[in-house]
Amino acid sequence: MDLTELRQGINALDDTIQNAFNERMALCKEVARYKQENGLPVFQNGREREIIDKIRSRAPEGLEEPSALLFQTMMEISKYLQYRELHKEPKPYVFAPLVLSPDSVACQGTAGANAETAAKQIFGEACTPVFLPTFEDVFAAVQAGDVEFGIVPVQNSNAGSVVQAYDLMGEHDFYIARTTVVEITNCLAVKPGTRLEDVRDVYSHPQALAQCSKFLSRHGLTPHAYSNTATAAAMVAAADEPLGAVCSEGCAALHGLTILRDHISDYVPNYTRFFCITKDLRVAEDADRITVMLSLPHEEGSLHRLLSKFVMGGMNLLKLESRPIRNGSFEVIFYLDFSGNIHDPSVSALLSDLAENLEYFKFLGNYGTDMLGGAARS
């Protein structure tokens, strides 16, 4: 046979496969209705394993795993359609509307910190946040109800995720109510009269130091981690020896420091995303982004099956982050951001699927699009 004939044969088989697939999915919807009427779960692990084992045993040599993957994918599609059938009416999440109150906000550091800028972008210039020593203190204050909102940095456009914040997410109960993006204008600040050649040691938050690593290395400056850019600036202002701080220009001015070099980030522009967190679930009318935490079983194809769910639901996966579970096991937790609103039946079906079929799943919130400088950014 020539190539044209071979392609015609493939096209004919594709038509057969498509028709069979359509019939299979129609039957799956009937199965969903039966399960709903009889109180049966959508996922039945024993049944799926039985089918996959049979498929492997019937496949030609060399096609055992591809055949298993094909049918596993079809079964994931079947489950998704069943969940969607069962969630034509979205799950009734209980939450309060998001009302931004500027009088009960906490962030880490001191006045002049980038977190304060983030708070003012979300709540307005009238916001006067409570400053706490650590990120963990912010999470704990929100969880305890001591403050209504907390502001924590989660990601820098150049240095990546703020790992401490992500680790703390797994240790505290909270929801994300809003995000904002702050432009970071790192500078090298010193006490008045200090020259660049006098400085050997520079202090700042590890993220800020990472953002300026090339500048520090080029000038032979030794970086030292400090709790916050603003607290580092305050420490440098009070020190007897000539030290430097990496901080914002506004923070330098607040503490009476001289700016030796401005815009010292390795890459410009430089932005940091902040989460605004709350104790109780609150969802804004313009909520279009969802964050979840989850773990996956150590099985072949588990990550592929997870990602396929977002494709089937037409949801854009915006971020996928993994962090080790700090128990010495080498297990990891995945953090996922994806587009959607919990009132959407497809989203409701996906969240129910994940919550019911994963050993660990945590819904962290449905919130509005990032803001930059106080204005919504598309």
Protein backbone atom coordinates (compact mmCIF):
# COMPACT_ATOMS: atom_id res chain seq x y z
CA MET A 1 0.00 0.00 0.00
CA ASP A 2 1.11 3.53 -0.67
CA LEU A 3 1.01 6.37 1.89
CA THR A 4 -2.39 7.59 0.71
CA GLU A 5 -3.96 4.19 1.26
CA LEU A 6 -2.32 3.87 4.69
CA ARG A 7 -3.70 7.26 5.73
CA GLN A 8 -7.15 6.32 4.47
CA GLY A 9 -7.00 3.21 6.64
CA ILE A 10 -6.01 5.32 9.67
CA ASN A 11 -8.83 7.79 8.97
CA ALA A 12 -11.35 4.96 8.85
CA LEU A 13 -10.10 3.58 12.15
CA ASP A 14 -10.19 7.08 13.69
CA ASP A 15 -13.87 7.32 12.76
CA THR A 16 -14.50 3.95 14.44
CA ILE A 17 -12.58 5.01 17.55
CA GLN A 18 -14.44 8.34 17.72
CA ASN A 19 -17.84 6.65 17.47
CA ALA A 20 -16.89 4.06 20.10
CA PHE A 21 -15.58 6.83 22.37
CA ASN A 22 -18.83 8.76 22.03
CA GLU A 23 -20.85 5.66 22.92
CA ARG A 24 -18.60 4.93 25.91
CA MET A 25 -18.98 8.46 27.30
CA ALA A 26 -22.76 8.36 26.86
CA LEU A 27 -22.85 5.15 28.90
CA CYS A 28 -20.65 6.82 31.55
CA LYS A 29 -23.26 9.54 31.99
CA GLU A 30 -25.86 6.84 32.56
CA VAL A 31 -23.53 5.25 35.11
CA ALA A 32 -23.26 8.64 36.88
CA ARG A 33 -27.03 8.87 37.16
CA TYR A 34 -27.24 5.32 38.51
CA LYS A 35 -24.52 6.01 41.09
CA GLN A 36 -26.30 9.19 42.15
CA GLU A 37 -29.62 7.43 42.58
CA ASN A 38 -28.00 4.60 44.56
CA GLY A 39 -25.50 6.61 46.60
CA LEU A 40 -22.43 5.02 45.04
CA PRO A 41 -19.03 6.77 44.75
CA VAL A 42 -17.75 7.85 41.34
CA PHE A 43 -14.29 6.39 41.91
CA GLN A 44 -14.02 2.64 42.37
CA ASN A 45 -10.34 1.74 42.48
CA GLY A 46 -10.75 -2.03 42.29
CA ARG A 47 -12.85 -1.75 39.14
CA GLU A 48 -10.27 0.48 37.42
CA ARG A 49 -7.34 -1.76 38.30
CA GLU A 50 -9.22 -4.79 37.01
CA ILE A 51 -9.80 -3.08 33.65
CA ILE A 52 -6.19 -1.87 33.31
CA ASP A 53 -4.76 -5.30 34.18
CA LYS A 54 -6.97 -6.86 31.51
CA ILE A 55 -5.89 -4.28 28.92
CA ARG A 56 -2.20 -4.93 29.65
CA SER A 57 -2.67 -8.68 29.34
CA ARG A 58 -4.40 -8.35 25.95
CA ALA A 59 -1.97 -5.83 24.44
CA PRO A 60 0.70 -6.90 21.91
CA GLU A 61 4.29 -6.99 23.15
CA GLY A 62 5.64 -3.47 23.49
CA LEU A 63 2.18 -1.87 23.69
CA GLU A 64 1.31 -2.92 27.24
CA GLU A 65 2.01 0.46 28.87
CA PRO A 66 0.77 2.62 25.95
CA SER A 67 -2.48 0.65 26.00
CA ALA A 68 -2.78 1.09 29.76
CA LEU A 69 -2.18 4.84 29.38
CA LEU A 70 -4.85 5.10 26.67
CA PHE A 71 -7.49 3.43 28.82
CA GLN A 72 -6.43 5.22 32.01
CA THR A 73 -6.92 8.51 30.14
CA MET A 74 -10.35 7.41 28.94
CA MET A 75 -11.31 6.47 32.49
CA GLU A 76 -10.15 9.86 33.77
CA ILE A 77 -12.36 11.48 31.15
CA SER A 78 -15.21 9.21 32.23
CA LYS A 79 -14.77 10.21 35.87
CA TYR A 80 -14.61 13.88 34.96
CA LEU A 81 -17.86 13.61 32.97
CA GLN A 82 -19.52 11.74 35.82
CA TYR A 83 -18.49 14.42 38.33
CA ARG A 84 -19.73 17.12 35.97
CA GLU A 85 -23.04 15.27 35.61
CA LEU A 86 -23.33 15.11 39.38
CA HIS A 87 -22.42 18.79 39.80
CA LYS A 88 -24.66 20.47 37.27
CA GLU A 89 -25.57 22.63 40.22
CA PRO A 90 -22.30 23.89 41.80
CA LYS A 91 -21.44 22.83 45.34
CA PRO A 92 -22.88 25.45 47.72
CA TYR A 93 -19.72 26.85 49.28
CA VAL A 94 -20.43 28.87 52.39
CA PHE A 95 -18.52 32.14 52.43
CA ALA A 96 -18.88 35.82 53.17
CA PRO A 97 -18.43 38.48 50.50
CA LEU A 98 -15.01 40.09 50.53
CA VAL A 99 -15.12 43.40 52.37
CA LEU A 100 -11.70 45.00 52.69
CA SER A 101 -11.30 46.51 56.15
CA PRO A 102 -8.05 48.52 56.53
CA ASP A 103 -8.21 48.52 60.34
CA SER A 104 -7.19 44.91 61.04
CA VAL A 105 -4.21 44.02 58.84
CA ALA A 106 -0.92 42.40 59.83
CA CYS A 107 2.32 42.02 57.94
CA GLN A 108 5.88 41.01 58.76
CA GLY A 109 8.66 43.53 59.40
CA THR A 110 8.50 47.21 60.22
CA ALA A 111 7.32 50.42 58.59
CA GLY A 112 8.71 50.77 55.09
CA ALA A 113 8.59 47.04 54.34
CA ASN A 114 7.37 45.97 50.91
CA ALA A 115 4.51 44.16 52.68
CA GLU A 116 3.29 47.56 53.92
CA THR A 117 3.23 48.78 50.31
CA ALA A 118 1.23 45.67 49.39
CA ALA A 119 -1.24 46.35 52.21
CA LYS A 120 -1.76 49.93 51.05
CA GLN A 121 -2.28 48.79 47.45
CA ILE A 122 -5.07 46.49 48.59
CA PHE A 123 -6.64 48.50 51.43
CA GLY A 124 -5.73 52.08 50.52
CA GLU A 125 -3.32 54.61 51.95
CA ALA A 126 -5.35 54.82 55.18
CA CYS A 127 -4.23 51.29 56.08
CA THR A 128 -1.86 51.17 59.06
CA PRO A 129 -0.89 47.50 59.44
CA VAL A 130 0.25 45.80 62.62
CA PHE A 131 3.88 44.70 62.18
CA LEU A 132 4.87 41.27 63.45
CA PRO A 133 8.37 39.74 63.70
CA THR A 134 7.96 36.73 61.36
CA PHE A 135 5.83 35.32 58.55
CA GLU A 136 4.72 32.58 60.93
CA ASP A 137 3.43 35.23 63.35
CA VAL A 138 1.28 36.67 60.54
CA PHE A 139 -0.23 33.26 59.70
CA ALA A 140 -0.79 32.52 63.39
CA ALA A 141 -2.45 35.90 64.05
CA VAL A 142 -4.89 35.35 61.17
CA GLN A 143 -5.68 31.78 62.23
CA ALA A 144 -6.28 32.87 65.83
CA GLY A 145 -8.56 35.71 64.73
CA ASP A 146 -6.29 38.36 66.26
CA VAL A 147 -6.36 40.23 62.94
CA GLU A 148 -8.79 40.04 60.03
CA PHE A 149 -6.20 40.05 57.23
CA GLY A 150 -2.55 39.13 56.80
CA ILE A 151 -0.13 40.12 54.04
CA VAL A 152 2.60 37.64 53.03
CA PRO A 153 4.97 37.56 50.03
CA VAL A 154 4.76 34.39 47.96
CA GLN A 155 6.64 34.86 44.68
CA ASN A 156 9.22 37.13 43.07
CA SER A 157 9.38 37.56 39.31
CA ASN A 158 13.15 36.94 39.33
CA ALA A 159 14.06 34.95 42.46
CA GLY A 160 11.05 32.63 42.39
CA SER A 161 8.85 31.44 45.24
CA VAL A 162 9.24 32.56 48.85
CA VAL A 163 9.75 29.05 50.17
CA GLN A 164 9.19 29.94 53.83
CA ALA A 165 5.73 31.26 53.03
CA TYR A 166 4.83 28.13 51.06
CA ASP A 167 6.04 25.87 53.87
CA LEU A 168 3.89 27.78 56.36
CA MET A 169 0.80 27.37 54.18
CA GLY A 170 0.73 23.69 55.04
CA GLU A 171 0.93 24.40 58.77
CA HIS A 172 -1.90 26.92 59.17
CA ASP A 173 -5.58 27.23 58.37
CA PHE A 174 -6.42 30.23 56.20
CA TYR A 175 -7.85 31.33 52.87
CA ILE A 176 -6.51 33.64 50.20
CA ALA A 177 -8.81 36.62 49.72
CA ARG A 178 -6.82 38.78 47.31
CA THR A 179 -3.40 39.19 45.73
CA THR A 180 -1.38 42.20 44.74
CA VAL A 181 1.90 42.79 42.94
CA VAL A 182 4.48 45.25 44.24
CA GLU A 183 7.30 46.61 42.10
CA ILE A 184 10.53 46.06 44.02
CA THR A 185 13.12 48.84 43.66
CA ASN A 186 16.03 47.40 45.61
CA CYS A 187 18.84 49.75 46.55
CA LEU A 188 22.01 49.59 48.64
CA ALA A 189 21.48 51.84 51.65
CA VAL A 190 24.02 52.90 54.28
CA LYS A 191 24.40 55.42 57.10
CA PRO A 192 25.18 58.94 55.86
CA GLY A 193 28.88 59.45 55.16
CA THR A 194 29.57 55.77 54.43
CA ARG A 195 31.35 55.02 51.14
CA LEU A 196 30.88 51.90 49.04
CA GLU A 197 34.50 50.85 49.66
CA ASP A 198 33.83 50.99 53.44
CA VAL A 199 31.08 48.39 53.25
CA ARG A 200 31.81 44.67 53.44
CA ASP A 201 28.65 43.17 54.93
CA VAL A 202 25.12 43.64 53.59
CA TYR A 203 21.91 42.60 55.34
CA SER A 204 18.41 41.91 54.03
CA HIS A 205 15.73 39.29 53.62
CA PRO A 206 17.07 36.21 51.73
CA GLN A 207 14.74 36.92 48.81
CA ALA A 208 16.07 40.48 48.41
CA LEU A 209 19.64 39.24 48.62
CA ALA A 210 18.91 36.62 45.95
CA GLN A 211 17.38 39.28 43.72
CA CYS A 212 20.60 41.33 43.92
CA SER A 213 23.18 38.52 43.94
CA LYS A 214 25.07 39.74 40.86
CA PHE A 215 25.50 43.25 42.22
CA LEU A 216 26.69 41.98 45.60
CA SER A 217 29.17 39.57 44.03
CA ARG A 218 30.49 42.16 41.59
CA HIS A 219 31.31 44.54 44.46
CA GLY A 220 32.71 41.91 46.81
CA LEU A 221 29.90 42.35 49.36
CA THR A 222 29.04 39.55 51.76
CA PRO A 223 25.27 38.93 52.08
CA HIS A 224 23.72 38.17 55.47
CA ALA A 225 20.13 36.99 55.85
CA TYR A 226 17.89 39.16 58.01
CA SER A 227 14.23 38.86 58.91
CA ASN A 228 13.00 41.63 56.61
CA THR A 229 14.27 44.41 54.33
CA ALA A 230 12.85 47.08 56.64
CA THR A 231 14.24 45.56 59.85
CA ALA A 232 17.61 45.22 58.12
CA ALA A 233 17.52 48.92 57.25
CA ALA A 234 16.67 49.80 60.86
CA MET A 235 19.55 47.64 62.10
CA VAL A 236 22.03 49.26 59.70
CA ALA A 237 20.85 52.72 60.78
CA ALA A 238 21.56 51.84 64.42
CA ALA A 239 24.88 50.05 63.85
CA ASP A 240 28.24 51.52 64.86
CA GLU A 241 30.11 49.87 61.98
CA PRO A 242 29.66 50.58 58.26
CA LEU A 243 27.05 48.06 57.10
CA GLY A 244 24.76 48.00 54.09
CA ALA A 245 21.10 47.09 53.69
CA VAL A 246 19.23 46.00 50.60
CA CYS A 247 15.85 47.70 50.85
CA SER A 248 13.43 49.95 49.00
CA GLU A 249 14.20 53.61 48.41
CA GLY A 250 11.26 54.60 50.58
CA CYS A 251 12.50 52.38 53.39
CA ALA A 252 15.98 53.95 53.18
CA ALA A 253 14.48 57.43 53.47
CA LEU A 254 12.30 56.35 56.40
CA HIS A 255 15.37 55.25 58.37
CA GLY A 256 17.59 58.18 57.37
CA LEU A 257 19.92 56.12 55.20
CA THR A 258 21.87 57.23 52.16
CA ILE A 259 21.36 55.34 48.90
CA LEU A 260 24.73 54.38 47.39
CA ARG A 261 23.25 52.54 44.42
CA ASP A 262 19.65 52.27 43.27
CA HIS A 263 17.90 49.65 41.10
CA ILE A 264 20.48 46.99 41.97
CA SER A 265 18.25 43.96 41.23
CA ASP A 266 19.79 41.47 38.82
CA TYR A 267 16.80 41.94 36.54
CA VAL A 268 14.62 45.02 36.11
CA PRO A 269 11.66 45.32 36.36
CA ASN A 270 11.36 43.27 39.52
CA TYR A 271 8.00 42.36 41.08
CA THR A 272 6.81 40.43 44.14
CA ARG A 273 3.35 38.91 44.50
CA PHE A 274 1.69 39.07 47.92
CA PHE A 275 -1.24 37.07 49.28
CA CYS A 276 -3.87 38.72 51.44
CA ILE A 277 -5.05 35.92 53.75
CA THR A 278 -8.07 35.56 56.04
CA LYS A 279 -9.35 33.06 58.60
CA ASP A 280 -12.68 32.45 56.88
CA LEU A 281 -13.42 31.91 53.21
CA ARG A 282 -14.28 35.18 51.47
CA VAL A 283 -14.74 35.45 47.74
CA ALA A 284 -14.83 38.66 45.70
CA GLU A 285 -17.24 39.07 42.80
CA ASP A 286 -14.31 39.19 40.35
CA ALA A 287 -12.66 36.01 41.71
CA ASP A 288 -10.96 34.27 38.79
CA ARG A 289 -8.05 32.35 40.33
CA ILE A 290 -8.02 29.31 42.63
CA THR A 291 -5.21 27.88 44.75
CA VAL A 292 -5.14 24.35 46.17
CA MET A 293 -2.66 22.09 47.97
CA LEU A 294 -2.55 18.35 47.38
CA SER A 295 -0.45 15.22 47.46
CA LEU A 296 -0.31 12.48 44.83
CA PRO A 297 0.16 8.73 45.23
CA HIS A 298 3.47 7.19 44.19
CA GLU A 299 2.01 5.60 41.09
CA GLU A 300 3.06 5.85 37.48
CA GLY A 301 1.11 8.49 35.63
CA SER A 302 -0.41 10.12 38.73
CA LEU A 303 0.80 13.61 37.79
CA HIS A 304 -0.30 13.12 34.17
CA ARG A 305 -3.78 12.12 35.33
CA LEU A 306 -3.98 15.16 37.58
CA LEU A 307 -2.98 17.59 34.83
CA SER A 308 -5.41 16.03 32.37
CA LYS A 309 -8.30 17.06 34.64
CA PHE A 310 -7.54 20.73 34.01
CA VAL A 311 -7.44 20.17 30.27
CA MET A 312 -10.81 18.42 30.33
CA GLY A 313 -12.35 21.27 32.33
CA GLY A 314 -10.92 23.95 30.07
CA MET A 315 -9.05 25.50 32.99
CA ASN A 316 -5.69 27.18 32.58
CA LEU A 317 -3.08 25.91 35.04
CA LEU A 318 -1.28 29.08 36.12
CA LYS A 319 1.29 27.66 38.53
CA LEU A 320 2.55 24.28 39.72
CA GLU A 321 4.87 24.30 42.72
CA SER A 322 6.19 21.40 44.78
CA ARG A 323 7.62 21.59 48.28
CA PRO A 324 8.97 18.77 50.47
CA ILE A 325 6.92 17.65 53.44
CA ARG A 326 9.27 18.35 56.30
CA ASN A 327 9.11 14.93 57.94
CA GLY A 328 12.19 13.27 56.43
CA SER A 329 10.15 11.18 53.99
CA PHE A 330 11.10 12.88 50.68
CA GLU A 331 7.35 13.21 50.03
CA VAL A 332 6.17 16.43 48.42
CA ILE A 333 3.11 18.66 48.49
CA PHE A 334 1.94 20.30 45.28
CA TYR A 335 0.59 23.84 45.16
CA LEU A 336 -1.52 24.64 42.11
CA ASP A 337 -3.00 27.90 40.87
CA PHE A 338 -5.56 27.70 38.09
CA SER A 339 -8.15 29.93 36.45
CA GLY A 340 -11.75 29.58 37.50
CA ASN A 341 -14.59 30.48 39.85
CA ILE A 342 -16.19 28.13 42.36
CA HIS A 343 -19.65 28.93 40.99
CA ASP A 344 -18.67 27.28 37.68
CA PRO A 345 -20.01 23.67 37.52
CA SER A 346 -16.79 22.46 35.86
CA VAL A 347 -14.71 23.93 38.70
CA SER A 348 -17.06 22.53 41.33
CA ALA A 349 -16.78 19.08 39.72
CA LEU A 350 -12.99 19.26 39.64
CA LEU A 351 -12.70 20.36 43.28
CA SER A 352 -15.06 17.55 44.37
CA ASP A 353 -13.05 15.04 42.34
CA LEU A 354 -9.78 16.13 43.97
CA ALA A 355 -11.21 16.32 47.49
CA GLU A 356 -12.81 12.86 47.30
CA ASN A 357 -10.02 10.94 45.57
CA LEU A 358 -6.77 12.31 46.98
CA GLU A 359 -5.33 11.36 50.34
CA TYR A 360 -4.54 15.01 51.06
CA PHE A 361 -6.31 17.99 49.52
CA LYS A 362 -6.75 21.56 50.76
CA PHE A 363 -8.69 24.34 49.08
CA LEU A 364 -6.91 27.65 49.77
CA GLY A 365 -9.27 30.13 48.14
CA ASN A 366 -10.81 31.73 45.10
CA TYR A 367 -9.66 35.29 44.68
CA GLY A 368 -9.34 38.25 42.33
CA THR A 369 -6.78 38.99 39.66
CA ASP A 370 -3.47 40.50 40.71
CA MET A 371 -3.42 44.22 41.31
CA LEU A 372 -0.45 46.43 40.52
CA GLY A 373 -0.35 49.84 42.09
CA GLY A 374 -3.92 49.46 43.35
CA ALA A 375 -5.50 48.87 39.94
CA ALA A 376 -6.76 45.56 38.62
CA ARG A 377 -4.37 44.10 36.07
CA SER A 378 -5.59 41.79 33.33
